[in-house]
Protein backbone atom coordinates (compact mmCIF):
# COMPACT_ATOMS: atom_id res chain seq x y z
CA UNK A 1 -23.22 -81.04 26.25
CA UNK A 2 -23.42 -77.85 28.33
CA UNK A 3 -20.68 -75.27 27.99
CA UNK A 4 -21.68 -73.53 31.21
CA UNK A 5 -18.89 -73.11 33.71
CA UNK A 6 -19.36 -74.06 37.32
CA UNK A 7 -19.68 -71.35 39.98
CA UNK A 8 -18.23 -71.43 43.47
CA UNK A 9 -20.65 -69.98 46.02
CA UNK A 10 -19.46 -69.16 49.52
CA UNK A 11 -21.58 -69.28 52.65
CA UNK A 12 -20.37 -66.99 55.45
CA UNK A 13 -19.59 -69.50 58.20
CA UNK A 14 -19.61 -67.43 61.37
CA UNK A 15 -23.00 -68.18 62.94
CA UNK A 16 -26.46 -69.19 61.75
CA UNK A 17 -28.00 -71.39 59.03
CA UNK A 18 -24.77 -72.35 57.25
CA UNK A 19 -25.40 -76.07 56.71
CA UNK A 20 -28.88 -75.46 55.34
CA UNK A 21 -27.53 -73.11 52.68
CA UNK A 22 -24.74 -75.56 51.76
CA UNK A 23 -27.32 -78.33 51.43
CA UNK A 24 -29.56 -76.16 49.18
CA UNK A 25 -26.58 -75.16 46.99
CA UNK A 26 -25.67 -78.86 46.63
CA UNK A 27 -29.01 -79.47 44.84
CA UNK A 28 -28.00 -77.20 41.94
CA UNK A 29 -25.89 -78.42 39.05
CA UNK A 30 -22.55 -76.70 38.32
CA UNK A 31 -22.42 -75.10 41.80
CA UNK A 32 -19.53 -75.71 44.19
CA UNK A 33 -20.56 -74.68 47.72
CA UNK A 34 -17.82 -73.71 50.22
CA UNK A 35 -17.71 -72.04 53.60
CA UNK A 36 -16.03 -68.66 54.06
CA UNK A 37 -14.48 -67.58 57.38
CA UNK A 38 -11.46 -65.55 56.28
CA UNK A 39 -11.06 -62.53 53.96
CA UNK A 40 -8.68 -64.34 51.61
CA UNK A 41 -11.38 -66.95 50.86
CA UNK A 42 -13.51 -64.29 49.14
CA UNK A 43 -11.16 -64.41 46.14
CA UNK A 44 -12.15 -68.07 45.63
CA UNK A 45 -15.91 -67.44 45.28
CA UNK A 46 -18.21 -66.04 42.59
CA UNK A 47 -20.94 -65.18 45.09
CA UNK A 48 -21.45 -64.97 48.86
CA UNK A 49 -24.42 -65.86 51.05
CA UNK A 50 -24.80 -64.13 54.42
CA UNK A 51 -27.15 -66.55 56.22
CA UNK A 52 -29.80 -66.04 58.85
CA UNK A 53 -28.82 -66.25 62.49
CA UNK A 54 -28.36 -63.56 65.12
CA UNK A 55 -27.53 -60.30 63.34
CA UNK A 56 -25.72 -58.73 66.31
CA UNK A 57 -23.49 -61.78 66.76
CA UNK A 58 -22.79 -62.09 63.03
CA UNK A 59 -21.93 -58.39 62.72
CA UNK A 60 -19.42 -58.66 65.60
CA UNK A 61 -17.86 -61.79 64.09
CA UNK A 62 -17.58 -60.14 60.66
CA UNK A 63 -15.59 -57.34 62.29
CA UNK A 64 -13.50 -59.72 64.49
CA UNK A 65 -12.60 -61.86 61.47
CA UNK A 66 -11.46 -58.86 59.40
CA UNK A 67 -14.27 -59.42 56.87
CA UNK A 68 -16.10 -56.09 57.07
CA UNK A 69 -14.23 -54.11 54.41
CA UNK A 70 -13.43 -57.17 52.27
CA UNK A 71 -17.16 -57.99 51.96
CA UNK A 72 -17.88 -54.37 51.00
CA UNK A 73 -15.09 -54.55 48.40
CA UNK A 74 -16.47 -57.89 47.11
CA UNK A 75 -19.84 -56.17 46.55
CA UNK A 76 -18.19 -53.19 44.82
CA UNK A 77 -16.56 -55.61 42.39
CA UNK A 78 -20.08 -56.57 41.24
CA UNK A 79 -20.02 -60.04 42.74
CA UNK A 80 -23.33 -61.45 43.97
CA UNK A 81 -24.29 -61.27 47.66
CA UNK A 82 -27.42 -62.88 49.04
CA UNK A 83 -28.54 -61.95 52.55
CA UNK A 84 -31.22 -64.09 54.17
CA UNK A 85 -33.02 -62.98 57.36
CA UNK A 86 -30.16 -61.70 59.54
CA UNK A 87 -28.19 -61.39 56.31
CA UNK A 88 -30.82 -58.91 55.06
CA UNK A 89 -30.30 -56.82 58.22
CA UNK A 90 -26.54 -56.83 57.67
CA UNK A 91 -26.80 -55.82 54.00
CA UNK A 92 -28.88 -52.74 54.85
CA UNK A 93 -27.67 -49.26 55.67
CA UNK A 94 -29.95 -48.38 58.57
CA UNK A 95 -31.84 -50.08 61.40
CA UNK A 96 -33.29 -48.93 64.69
CA UNK A 97 -30.99 -51.38 66.52
CA UNK A 98 -27.65 -49.64 66.88
CA UNK A 99 -25.77 -52.71 68.20
CA UNK A 100 -25.73 -54.16 64.66
CA UNK A 101 -22.93 -52.84 62.47
CA UNK A 102 -24.42 -52.98 58.98
CA UNK A 103 -22.41 -53.44 55.79
CA UNK A 104 -24.33 -50.74 53.91
CA UNK A 105 -24.52 -52.74 50.69
CA UNK A 106 -28.11 -51.79 49.88
CA UNK A 107 -30.16 -48.63 50.27
CA UNK A 108 -32.68 -50.06 52.72
CA UNK A 109 -33.89 -49.32 56.25
CA UNK A 110 -34.56 -52.57 58.11
CA UNK A 111 -36.92 -53.35 60.96
CA UNK A 112 -35.33 -56.23 62.89
CA UNK A 113 -37.78 -58.87 64.19
CA UNK A 114 -40.43 -56.94 62.27
CA UNK A 115 -42.87 -59.86 62.34
CA UNK A 116 -42.39 -60.52 66.06
CA UNK A 117 -40.44 -62.95 68.20
CA UNK A 118 -39.85 -66.68 67.61
CA UNK A 119 -43.40 -67.57 68.66
CA UNK A 120 -44.70 -65.49 65.75
CA UNK A 121 -42.84 -67.59 63.15
CA UNK A 122 -44.87 -68.74 60.14
CA UNK A 123 -44.71 -70.28 56.68
CA UNK A 124 -46.42 -68.96 53.55
CA UNK A 125 -46.28 -68.95 49.76
CA UNK A 126 -45.11 -65.90 47.82
CA UNK A 127 -45.47 -64.83 44.22
CA UNK A 128 -42.15 -63.27 43.22
CA UNK A 129 -42.26 -61.77 39.71
CA UNK A 130 -38.77 -62.72 38.40
CA UNK A 131 -38.79 -66.11 40.16
CA UNK A 132 -42.25 -67.63 40.02
CA UNK A 133 -45.56 -68.31 41.71
CA UNK A 134 -46.14 -70.11 45.01
CA UNK A 135 -42.55 -69.89 46.28
CA UNK A 136 -42.43 -71.33 49.82
CA UNK A 137 -41.07 -69.00 52.51
CA UNK A 138 -40.30 -69.71 56.18
CA UNK A 139 -40.30 -66.67 58.47
CA UNK A 140 -38.48 -67.02 61.80
CA UNK A 141 -38.03 -63.80 63.86
CA UNK A 142 -38.04 -62.18 60.46
CA UNK A 143 -37.07 -58.60 59.65
CA UNK A 144 -38.69 -56.56 56.92
CA UNK A 145 -37.64 -53.63 54.77
CA UNK A 146 -39.27 -50.51 56.22
CA UNK A 147 -37.96 -48.18 53.52
CA UNK A 148 -36.14 -48.69 50.22
CA UNK A 149 -34.20 -46.25 48.07
CA UNK A 150 -35.10 -45.56 44.41
CA UNK A 151 -32.47 -47.96 43.04
CA UNK A 152 -33.89 -50.87 45.04
CA UNK A 153 -36.36 -53.24 43.28
CA UNK A 154 -38.86 -54.60 45.81
CA UNK A 155 -39.82 -58.14 44.84
CA UNK A 156 -42.23 -59.55 47.48
CA UNK A 157 -44.53 -58.26 50.21
CA UNK A 158 -46.46 -59.52 53.21
CA UNK A 159 -49.02 -57.14 54.76
CA UNK A 160 -47.53 -54.23 52.79
CA UNK A 161 -44.09 -54.96 54.25
CA UNK A 162 -41.31 -55.68 51.74
CA UNK A 163 -39.73 -59.09 52.41
CA UNK A 164 -37.51 -59.48 49.35
CA UNK A 165 -35.57 -56.98 47.27
CA UNK A 166 -32.57 -56.53 45.00
CA UNK A 167 -30.20 -53.72 44.13
CA UNK A 168 -27.77 -54.50 41.32
CA UNK A 169 -25.75 -57.55 42.48
CA UNK A 170 -27.25 -57.66 46.01
CA UNK A 171 -30.30 -59.82 46.78
CA UNK A 172 -31.97 -59.99 50.18
CA UNK A 173 -34.96 -61.76 51.71
CA UNK A 174 -36.54 -61.70 55.16
CA UNK A 175 -37.28 -65.41 55.13
CA UNK A 176 -35.48 -68.72 55.00
CA UNK A 177 -35.74 -70.14 51.47
CA UNK A 178 -33.02 -72.68 52.41
CA UNK A 179 -35.41 -74.41 54.84
CA UNK A 180 -37.61 -75.55 51.93
CA UNK A 181 -36.97 -77.97 49.07
CA UNK A 182 -37.65 -75.25 46.45
CA UNK A 183 -34.35 -73.97 45.05
CA UNK A 184 -35.76 -71.33 42.62
CA UNK A 185 -34.61 -68.37 44.76
CA UNK A 186 -31.15 -69.85 45.05
CA UNK A 187 -30.99 -70.42 41.30
CA UNK A 188 -32.03 -66.81 40.74
CA UNK A 189 -29.21 -65.64 43.03
CA UNK A 190 -26.63 -67.83 41.27
CA UNK A 191 -27.53 -66.13 37.97
CA UNK A 192 -26.38 -62.83 39.59
CA UNK A 193 -22.95 -64.29 40.39
């Protein structure tokens, strides 16, 4: 009999790959996935996923829905945040694309669409030290981390570009782990929550 408590994980439901993250979370025992659209819902969750989508649109919707400062406060409380693809862009503190209002949760400079446009999408396997070998990763208009501060642990690379990193309770990746059947990255994130 396990004495582990269940964890409620929110998926920011403004735009992007929301359903795919909910489906991935549903494959993990003791996890209750819910969608988050309003600031008051953050008090109900142990961790928050900012999914891939269109980073400019998501950043505008975060501001319009009054979620900007509440998400920053959520992170300051030490609760886990996982940004995938566009979510990585939003978690950073600098990008060359000024139309995206970043949350500044992580000391990273992000290159949006760093691997090219949609036509340059690809799948690969990554070895990620704290997670495992041969972790499937789907890259779609993927960003990469161009520069990372000293407190950032860089976890995975493609062509010398960082595609996954963590800083304290914040985890980000350039790719879509939720589009695979491998839930190891999601499990790793849940341990942070």
